[in-house]
Amino acid sequence: DGTNLPVVLMGDFNVKPDDPWLEKISERLKSAAAARNNYEFTWSTYNPNRQIDYIFVPKTAEVLSYEVHKFRISDHRPVTAEIEL
């Protein structure tokens, strides 16, 4: 929290989007998925039923794209975002 540099935070958070745990992150960063209105499920690969993988970016960043990929390389679906700082 002590840096003035842009921060990108991403990974498997194991919580759904409405979990209070994400509120602290949302005070400083925004969800790339929400910025693109894309709420596709990321877990599990074979029967997706929840979003638990996230990419958070600076609130001033423009999210140019956000995608949940359908290929199977783990138990989670890969997530990518293109952003402009």
PDB file of N, CA and C in Angstrom:
ATOM      1  N   ASP A   1       0.817  -1.199   0.000  1.00  0.00           N
ATOM      2  CA  ASP A   1       0.000   0.000   0.000  1.00  0.00           C
ATOM      3  C   ASP A   1       0.861   1.263   0.000  1.00  0.00           C
ATOM      4  N   GLY A   2       2.166   1.113   0.191  1.00  0.00           N
ATOM      5  CA  GLY A   2       3.010   2.286   0.293  1.00  0.00           C
ATOM      6  C   GLY A   2       3.637   2.752  -1.000  1.00  0.00           C
ATOM      7  N   THR A   3       3.286   2.156  -2.134  1.00  0.00           N
ATOM      8  CA  THR A   3       3.899   2.550  -3.393  1.00  0.00           C
ATOM      9  C   THR A   3       2.993   3.460  -4.206  1.00  0.00           C
ATOM     10  N   ASN A   4       3.618   4.319  -4.989  1.00  0.00           N
ATOM     11  CA  ASN A   4       2.867   5.156  -5.930  1.00  0.00           C
ATOM     12  C   ASN A   4       2.921   4.582  -7.339  1.00  0.00           C
ATOM     13  N   LEU A   5       3.616   3.459  -7.494  1.00  0.00           N
ATOM     14  CA  LEU A   5       3.727   2.807  -8.792  1.00  0.00           C
ATOM     15  C   LEU A   5       2.448   2.029  -9.097  1.00  0.00           C
ATOM     16  N   PRO A   6       2.133   1.821 -10.375  1.00  0.00           N
ATOM     17  CA  PRO A   6       0.963   1.013 -10.723  1.00  0.00           C
ATOM     18  C   PRO A   6       1.136  -0.416 -10.213  1.00  0.00           C
ATOM     19  N   VAL A   7       0.055  -0.995  -9.732  1.00  0.00           N
ATOM     20  CA  VAL A   7       0.067  -2.353  -9.192  1.00  0.00           C
ATOM     21  C   VAL A   7      -0.961  -3.183  -9.937  1.00  0.00           C
ATOM     22  N   VAL A   8      -0.541  -4.383 -10.348  1.00  0.00           N
ATOM     23  CA  VAL A   8      -1.457  -5.373 -10.905  1.00  0.00           C
ATOM     24  C   VAL A   8      -1.385  -6.580  -9.981  1.00  0.00           C
ATOM     25  N   LEU A   9      -2.546  -7.017  -9.516  1.00  0.00           N
ATOM     26  CA  LEU A   9      -2.639  -8.136  -8.584  1.00  0.00           C
ATOM     27  C   LEU A   9      -3.520  -9.195  -9.228  1.00  0.00           C
ATOM     28  N   MET A  10      -3.005 -10.414  -9.341  1.00  0.00           N
ATOM     29  CA  MET A  10      -3.800 -11.451  -9.997  1.00  0.00           C
ATOM     30  C   MET A  10      -3.523 -12.812  -9.391  1.00  0.00           C
ATOM     31  N   GLY A  11      -4.516 -13.687  -9.532  1.00  0.00           N
ATOM     32  CA  GLY A  11      -4.331 -15.039  -9.061  1.00  0.00           C
ATOM     33  C   GLY A  11      -5.628 -15.699  -8.638  1.00  0.00           C
ATOM     34  N   ASP A  12      -5.455 -16.861  -8.023  1.00  0.00           N
ATOM     35  CA  ASP A  12      -6.552 -17.664  -7.490  1.00  0.00           C
ATOM     36  C   ASP A  12      -6.797 -17.199  -6.054  1.00  0.00           C
ATOM     37  N   PHE A  13      -7.904 -16.500  -5.824  1.00  0.00           N
ATOM     38  CA  PHE A  13      -8.201 -15.964  -4.498  1.00  0.00           C
ATOM     39  C   PHE A  13      -9.132 -16.873  -3.694  1.00  0.00           C
ATOM     40  N   ASN A  14      -9.705 -17.882  -4.351  1.00  0.00           N
ATOM     41  CA  ASN A  14     -10.597 -18.849  -3.687  1.00  0.00           C
ATOM     42  C   ASN A  14     -11.798 -18.213  -3.000  1.00  0.00           C
ATOM     43  N   VAL A  15     -12.255 -17.078  -3.509  1.00  0.00           N
ATOM     44  CA  VAL A  15     -13.471 -16.452  -2.993  1.00  0.00           C
ATOM     45  C   VAL A  15     -14.305 -15.954  -4.173  1.00  0.00           C
ATOM     46  N   LYS A  16     -15.610 -15.903  -3.985  1.00  0.00           N
ATOM     47  CA  LYS A  16     -16.517 -15.393  -5.010  1.00  0.00           C
ATOM     48  C   LYS A  16     -16.468 -13.859  -5.031  1.00  0.00           C
ATOM     49  N   PRO A  17     -16.921 -13.231  -6.126  1.00  0.00           N
ATOM     50  CA  PRO A  17     -16.813 -11.776  -6.258  1.00  0.00           C
ATOM     51  C   PRO A  17     -17.478 -10.962  -5.152  1.00  0.00           C
ATOM     52  N   ASP A  18     -18.507 -11.497  -4.498  1.00  0.00           N
ATOM     53  CA  ASP A  18     -19.204 -10.749  -3.459  1.00  0.00           C
ATOM     54  C   ASP A  18     -18.617 -10.971  -2.059  1.00  0.00           C
ATOM     55  N   ASP A  19     -17.502 -11.667  -1.980  1.00  0.00           N
ATOM     56  CA  ASP A  19     -16.890 -11.947  -0.680  1.00  0.00           C
ATOM     57  C   ASP A  19     -16.314 -10.670  -0.065  1.00  0.00           C
ATOM     58  N   PRO A  20     -16.590 -10.394   1.213  1.00  0.00           N
ATOM     59  CA  PRO A  20     -16.080  -9.186   1.878  1.00  0.00           C
ATOM     60  C   PRO A  20     -14.553  -9.073   1.859  1.00  0.00           C
ATOM     61  N   TRP A  21     -13.871 -10.185   1.714  1.00  0.00           N
ATOM     62  CA  TRP A  21     -12.413 -10.183   1.700  1.00  0.00           C
ATOM     63  C   TRP A  21     -11.880  -9.343   0.541  1.00  0.00           C
ATOM     64  N   LEU A  22     -12.630  -9.288  -0.567  1.00  0.00           N
ATOM     65  CA  LEU A  22     -12.185  -8.527  -1.737  1.00  0.00           C
ATOM     66  C   LEU A  22     -12.442  -7.031  -1.598  1.00  0.00           C
ATOM     67  N   GLU A  23     -13.213  -6.612  -0.620  1.00  0.00           N
ATOM     68  CA  GLU A  23     -13.536  -5.192  -0.453  1.00  0.00           C
ATOM     69  C   GLU A  23     -12.292  -4.335  -0.245  1.00  0.00           C
ATOM     70  N   LYS A  24     -11.345  -4.805   0.541  1.00  0.00           N
ATOM     71  CA  LYS A  24     -10.121  -4.047   0.802  1.00  0.00           C
ATOM     72  C   LYS A  24      -9.318  -3.847  -0.487  1.00  0.00           C
ATOM     73  N   ILE A  25      -9.244  -4.886  -1.303  1.00  0.00           N
ATOM     74  CA  ILE A  25      -8.556  -4.770  -2.590  1.00  0.00           C
ATOM     75  C   ILE A  25      -9.267  -3.766  -3.478  1.00  0.00           C
ATOM     76  N   SER A  26     -10.593  -3.806  -3.473  1.00  0.00           N
ATOM     77  CA  SER A  26     -11.388  -2.928  -4.337  1.00  0.00           C
ATOM     78  C   SER A  26     -11.317  -1.462  -3.933  1.00  0.00           C
ATOM     79  N   GLU A  27     -10.837  -1.182  -2.750  1.00  0.00           N
ATOM     80  CA  GLU A  27     -10.645   0.218  -2.357  1.00  0.00           C
ATOM     81  C   GLU A  27      -9.544   0.865  -3.195  1.00  0.00           C
ATOM     82  N   ARG A  28      -8.569   0.073  -3.625  1.00  0.00           N
ATOM     83  CA  ARG A  28      -7.429   0.610  -4.354  1.00  0.00           C
ATOM     84  C   ARG A  28      -7.400   0.200  -5.828  1.00  0.00           C
ATOM     85  N   LEU A  29      -7.895  -0.986  -6.125  1.00  0.00           N
ATOM     86  CA  LEU A  29      -7.823  -1.530  -7.477  1.00  0.00           C
ATOM     87  C   LEU A  29      -9.215  -1.875  -7.988  1.00  0.00           C
ATOM     88  N   LYS A  30      -9.309  -2.086  -9.307  1.00  0.00           N
ATOM     89  CA  LYS A  30     -10.591  -2.521  -9.873  1.00  0.00           C
ATOM     90  C   LYS A  30     -10.413  -3.868 -10.557  1.00  0.00           C
ATOM     91  N   SER A  31     -11.486  -4.602 -10.616  1.00  0.00           N
ATOM     92  CA  SER A  31     -11.507  -5.912 -11.259  1.00  0.00           C
ATOM     93  C   SER A  31     -11.540  -5.730 -12.772  1.00  0.00           C
ATOM     94  N   ALA A  32     -10.623  -6.395 -13.465  1.00  0.00           N
ATOM     95  CA  ALA A  32     -10.619  -6.343 -14.930  1.00  0.00           C
ATOM     96  C   ALA A  32     -11.891  -6.982 -15.489  1.00  0.00           C
ATOM     97  N   ALA A  33     -12.374  -8.031 -14.847  1.00  0.00           N
ATOM     98  CA  ALA A  33     -13.609  -8.689 -15.292  1.00  0.00           C
ATOM     99  C   ALA A  33     -14.788  -7.725 -15.206  1.00  0.00           C
ATOM    100  N   ALA A  34     -14.911  -7.037 -14.084  1.00  0.00           N
ATOM    101  CA  ALA A  34     -16.023  -6.092 -13.901  1.00  0.00           C
ATOM    102  C   ALA A  34     -15.922  -4.937 -14.888  1.00  0.00           C
ATOM    103  N   ALA A  35     -14.710  -4.487 -15.157  1.00  0.00           N
ATOM    104  CA  ALA A  35     -14.524  -3.370 -16.090  1.00  0.00           C
ATOM    105  C   ALA A  35     -15.014  -3.725 -17.490  1.00  0.00           C
ATOM    106  N   ARG A  36     -14.962  -5.004 -17.840  1.00  0.00           N
ATOM    107  CA  ARG A  36     -15.414  -5.458 -19.161  1.00  0.00           C
ATOM    108  C   ARG A  36     -16.764  -6.175 -19.092  1.00  0.00           C
ATOM    109  N   ASN A  37     -17.415  -6.130 -17.934  1.00  0.00           N
ATOM    110  CA  ASN A  37     -18.700  -6.814 -17.746  1.00  0.00           C
ATOM    111  C   ASN A  37     -18.629  -8.280 -18.160  1.00  0.00           C
ATOM    112  N   ASN A  38     -17.565  -8.933 -17.764  1.00  0.00           N
ATOM    113  CA  ASN A  38     -17.366 -10.334 -18.091  1.00  0.00           C
ATOM    114  C   ASN A  38     -17.255 -11.111 -16.776  1.00  0.00           C
ATOM    115  N   TYR A  39     -18.278 -11.840 -16.457  1.00  0.00           N
ATOM    116  CA  TYR A  39     -18.319 -12.569 -15.191  1.00  0.00           C
ATOM    117  C   TYR A  39     -18.321 -14.083 -15.422  1.00  0.00           C
ATOM    118  N   GLU A  40     -17.581 -14.517 -16.450  1.00  0.00           N
ATOM    119  CA  GLU A  40     -17.512 -15.949 -16.730  1.00  0.00           C
ATOM    120  C   GLU A  40     -16.842 -16.669 -15.560  1.00  0.00           C
ATOM    121  N   PHE A  41     -17.282 -17.884 -15.343  1.00  0.00           N
ATOM    122  CA  PHE A  41     -16.710 -18.692 -14.270  1.00  0.00           C
ATOM    123  C   PHE A  41     -15.306 -19.171 -14.649  1.00  0.00           C
ATOM    124  N   THR A  42     -14.447 -19.259 -13.651  1.00  0.00           N
ATOM    125  CA  THR A  42     -13.054 -19.663 -13.871  1.00  0.00           C
ATOM    126  C   THR A  42     -12.723 -21.016 -13.264  1.00  0.00           C
ATOM    127  N   TRP A  43     -13.612 -21.543 -12.448  1.00  0.00           N
ATOM    128  CA  TRP A  43     -13.355 -22.826 -11.799  1.00  0.00           C
ATOM    129  C   TRP A  43     -14.631 -23.638 -11.800  1.00  0.00           C
ATOM    130  N   SER A  44     -14.601 -24.862 -12.044  1.00  0.00           N
ATOM    131  CA  SER A  44     -13.488 -25.691 -12.488  1.00  0.00           C
ATOM    132  C   SER A  44     -13.441 -25.758 -14.005  1.00  0.00           C
ATOM    133  N   THR A  45     -12.377 -26.282 -14.511  1.00  0.00           N
ATOM    134  CA  THR A  45     -12.203 -26.360 -15.960  1.00  0.00           C
ATOM    135  C   THR A  45     -13.311 -27.169 -16.613  1.00  0.00           C
ATOM    136  N   TYR A  46     -13.661 -28.301 -16.017  1.00  0.00           N
ATOM    137  CA  TYR A  46     -14.592 -29.230 -16.667  1.00  0.00           C
ATOM    138  C   TYR A  46     -16.054 -28.895 -16.415  1.00  0.00           C
ATOM    139  N   ASN A  47     -16.340 -28.236 -15.313  1.00  0.00           N
ATOM    140  CA  ASN A  47     -17.718 -27.871 -14.994  1.00  0.00           C
ATOM    141  C   ASN A  47     -17.706 -26.522 -14.270  1.00  0.00           C
ATOM    142  N   PRO A  48     -17.422 -25.437 -14.992  1.00  0.00           N
ATOM    143  CA  PRO A  48     -17.277 -24.138 -14.331  1.00  0.00           C
ATOM    144  C   PRO A  48     -18.563 -23.708 -13.621  1.00  0.00           C
ATOM    145  N   ASN A  49     -18.406 -23.340 -12.329  1.00  0.00           N
ATOM    146  CA  ASN A  49     -19.580 -22.931 -11.552  1.00  0.00           C
ATOM    147  C   ASN A  49     -19.298 -21.778 -10.597  1.00  0.00           C
ATOM    148  N   ARG A  50     -18.103 -21.165 -10.701  1.00  0.00           N
ATOM    149  CA  ARG A  50     -17.809 -19.998  -9.859  1.00  0.00           C
ATOM    150  C   ARG A  50     -16.610 -19.229 -10.400  1.00  0.00           C
ATOM    151  N   GLN A  51     -16.580 -17.972 -10.072  1.00  0.00           N
ATOM    152  CA  GLN A  51     -15.437 -17.124 -10.409  1.00  0.00           C
ATOM    153  C   GLN A  51     -14.599 -16.964  -9.149  1.00  0.00           C
ATOM    154  N   ILE A  52     -13.358 -17.474  -9.195  1.00  0.00           N
ATOM    155  CA  ILE A  52     -12.473 -17.339  -8.035  1.00  0.00           C
ATOM    156  C   ILE A  52     -11.074 -16.864  -8.435  1.00  0.00           C
ATOM    157  N   ASP A  53     -10.860 -16.658  -9.730  1.00  0.00           N
ATOM    158  CA  ASP A  53      -9.575 -16.177 -10.236  1.00  0.00           C
ATOM    159  C   ASP A  53      -9.771 -14.748 -10.728  1.00  0.00           C
ATOM    160  N   TYR A  54      -8.853 -13.869 -10.374  1.00  0.00           N
ATOM    161  CA  TYR A  54      -9.057 -12.444 -10.616  1.00  0.00           C
ATOM    162  C   TYR A  54      -7.809 -11.761 -11.143  1.00  0.00           C
ATOM    163  N   ILE A  55      -8.047 -10.687 -11.870  1.00  0.00           N
ATOM    164  CA  ILE A  55      -6.999  -9.744 -12.234  1.00  0.00           C
ATOM    165  C   ILE A  55      -7.490  -8.380 -11.765  1.00  0.00           C
ATOM    166  N   PHE A  56      -6.742  -7.767 -10.851  1.00  0.00           N
ATOM    167  CA  PHE A  56      -7.048  -6.426 -10.361  1.00  0.00           C
ATOM    168  C   PHE A  56      -6.013  -5.459 -10.901  1.00  0.00           C
ATOM    169  N   VAL A  57      -6.482  -4.310 -11.358  1.00  0.00           N
ATOM    170  CA  VAL A  57      -5.613  -3.314 -11.992  1.00  0.00           C
ATOM    171  C   VAL A  57      -5.863  -1.949 -11.360  1.00  0.00           C
ATOM    172  N   PRO A  58      -4.979  -0.990 -11.603  1.00  0.00           N
ATOM    173  CA  PRO A  58      -5.219   0.355 -11.061  1.00  0.00           C
ATOM    174  C   PRO A  58      -6.553   0.918 -11.556  1.00  0.00           C
ATOM    175  N   LYS A  59      -7.194   1.683 -10.717  1.00  0.00           N
ATOM    176  CA  LYS A  59      -8.489   2.268 -11.091  1.00  0.00           C
ATOM    177  C   LYS A  59      -8.370   3.187 -12.296  1.00  0.00           C
ATOM    178  N   THR A  60      -7.185   3.736 -12.526  1.00  0.00           N
ATOM    179  CA  THR A  60      -6.977   4.632 -13.660  1.00  0.00           C
ATOM    180  C   THR A  60      -6.634   3.883 -14.948  1.00  0.00           C
ATOM    181  N   ALA A  61      -6.402   2.588 -14.878  1.00  0.00           N
ATOM    182  CA  ALA A  61      -6.052   1.800 -16.065  1.00  0.00           C
ATOM    183  C   ALA A  61      -7.281   1.564 -16.927  1.00  0.00           C
ATOM    184  N   GLU A  62      -7.054   1.496 -18.218  1.00  0.00           N
ATOM    185  CA  GLU A  62      -8.121   1.122 -19.143  1.00  0.00           C
ATOM    186  C   GLU A  62      -7.980  -0.365 -19.435  1.00  0.00           C
ATOM    187  N   VAL A  63      -9.047  -1.108 -19.229  1.00  0.00           N
ATOM    188  CA  VAL A  63      -9.038  -2.540 -19.517  1.00  0.00           C
ATOM    189  C   VAL A  63      -9.510  -2.708 -20.957  1.00  0.00           C
ATOM    190  N   LEU A  64      -8.561  -3.037 -21.831  1.00  0.00           N
ATOM    191  CA  LEU A  64      -8.858  -3.163 -23.252  1.00  0.00           C
ATOM    192  C   LEU A  64      -9.519  -4.493 -23.585  1.00  0.00           C
ATOM    193  N   SER A  65      -9.131  -5.531 -22.856  1.00  0.00           N
ATOM    194  CA  SER A  65      -9.750  -6.840 -23.071  1.00  0.00           C
ATOM    195  C   SER A  65      -9.615  -7.672 -21.804  1.00  0.00           C
ATOM    196  N   TYR A  66     -10.522  -8.619 -21.672  1.00  0.00           N
ATOM    197  CA  TYR A  66     -10.505  -9.573 -20.559  1.00  0.00           C
ATOM    198  C   TYR A  66     -11.114 -10.855 -21.091  1.00  0.00           C
ATOM    199  N   GLU A  67     -10.437 -11.980 -20.867  1.00  0.00           N
ATOM    200  CA  GLU A  67     -10.945 -13.233 -21.411  1.00  0.00           C
ATOM    201  C   GLU A  67     -10.683 -14.392 -20.463  1.00  0.00           C
ATOM    202  N   VAL A  68     -11.693 -15.241 -20.331  1.00  0.00           N
ATOM    203  CA  VAL A  68     -11.554 -16.522 -19.650  1.00  0.00           C
ATOM    204  C   VAL A  68     -11.437 -17.557 -20.760  1.00  0.00           C
ATOM    205  N   HIS A  69     -10.302 -18.234 -20.812  1.00  0.00           N
ATOM    206  CA  HIS A  69     -10.030 -19.173 -21.899  1.00  0.00           C
ATOM    207  C   HIS A  69     -10.635 -20.541 -21.605  1.00  0.00           C
ATOM    208  N   LYS A  70     -11.048 -21.205 -22.642  1.00  0.00           N
ATOM    209  CA  LYS A  70     -11.768 -22.477 -22.511  1.00  0.00           C
ATOM    210  C   LYS A  70     -10.846 -23.700 -22.536  1.00  0.00           C
ATOM    211  N   PHE A  71      -9.558 -23.522 -22.837  1.00  0.00           N
ATOM    212  CA  PHE A  71      -8.699 -24.697 -22.897  1.00  0.00           C
ATOM    213  C   PHE A  71      -8.357 -25.194 -21.506  1.00  0.00           C
ATOM    214  N   ARG A  72      -7.994 -26.465 -21.431  1.00  0.00           N
ATOM    215  CA  ARG A  72      -7.803 -27.145 -20.150  1.00  0.00           C
ATOM    216  C   ARG A  72      -6.326 -27.424 -19.902  1.00  0.00           C
ATOM    217  N   ILE A  73      -5.740 -26.673 -18.985  1.00  0.00           N
ATOM    218  CA  ILE A  73      -4.347 -26.922 -18.617  1.00  0.00           C
ATOM    219  C   ILE A  73      -4.195 -27.122 -17.114  1.00  0.00           C
ATOM    220  N   SER A  74      -5.252 -26.864 -16.367  1.00  0.00           N
ATOM    221  CA  SER A  74      -5.253 -27.121 -14.930  1.00  0.00           C
ATOM    222  C   SER A  74      -6.701 -27.250 -14.484  1.00  0.00           C
ATOM    223  N   ASP A  75      -6.957 -27.212 -13.185  1.00  0.00           N
ATOM    224  CA  ASP A  75      -8.328 -27.276 -12.702  1.00  0.00           C
ATOM    225  C   ASP A  75      -9.022 -25.919 -12.789  1.00  0.00           C
ATOM    226  N   HIS A  76      -8.283 -24.864 -13.169  1.00  0.00           N
ATOM    227  CA  HIS A  76      -8.843 -23.520 -13.375  1.00  0.00           C
ATOM    228  C   HIS A  76      -8.757 -23.160 -14.846  1.00  0.00           C
ATOM    229  N   ARG A  77      -9.681 -22.316 -15.299  1.00  0.00           N
ATOM    230  CA  ARG A  77      -9.590 -21.788 -16.646  1.00  0.00           C
ATOM    231  C   ARG A  77      -8.665 -20.573 -16.632  1.00  0.00           C
ATOM    232  N   PRO A  78      -7.731 -20.496 -17.570  1.00  0.00           N
ATOM    233  CA  PRO A  78      -6.814 -19.358 -17.612  1.00  0.00           C
ATOM    234  C   PRO A  78      -7.551 -18.053 -17.893  1.00  0.00           C
ATOM    235  N   VAL A  79      -7.055 -16.980 -17.306  1.00  0.00           N
ATOM    236  CA  VAL A  79      -7.649 -15.654 -17.453  1.00  0.00           C
ATOM    237  C   VAL A  79      -6.560 -14.694 -17.940  1.00  0.00           C
ATOM    238  N   THR A  80      -6.895 -13.874 -18.937  1.00  0.00           N
ATOM    239  CA  THR A  80      -5.949 -12.862 -19.414  1.00  0.00           C
ATOM    240  C   THR A  80      -6.657 -11.516 -19.530  1.00  0.00           C
ATOM    241  N   ALA A  81      -5.880 -10.475 -19.438  1.00  0.00           N
ATOM    242  CA  ALA A  81      -6.396  -9.129 -19.630  1.00  0.00           C
ATOM    243  C   ALA A  81      -5.332  -8.288 -20.315  1.00  0.00           C
ATOM    244  N   GLU A  82      -5.771  -7.406 -21.168  1.00  0.00           N
ATOM    245  CA  GLU A  82      -4.883  -6.412 -21.755  1.00  0.00           C
ATOM    246  C   GLU A  82      -5.286  -5.071 -21.169  1.00  0.00           C
ATOM    247  N   ILE A  83      -4.306  -4.378 -20.615  1.00  0.00           N
ATOM    248  CA  ILE A  83      -4.605  -3.100 -19.971  1.00  0.00           C
ATOM    249  C   ILE A  83      -3.693  -2.008 -20.511  1.00  0.00           C
ATOM    250  N   GLU A  84      -4.155  -0.795 -20.377  1.00  0.00           N
ATOM    251  CA  GLU A  84      -3.348   0.375 -20.719  1.00  0.00           C
ATOM    252  C   GLU A  84      -3.245   1.238 -19.481  1.00  0.00           C
ATOM    253  N   LEU A  85      -2.007   1.485 -19.057  1.00  0.00           N
ATOM    254  CA  LEU A  85      -1.788   2.300 -17.857  1.00  0.00           C
ATOM    255  C   LEU A  85      -1.727   3.760 -18.198  1.00  0.00           C
TER     256      LEU A  85
END
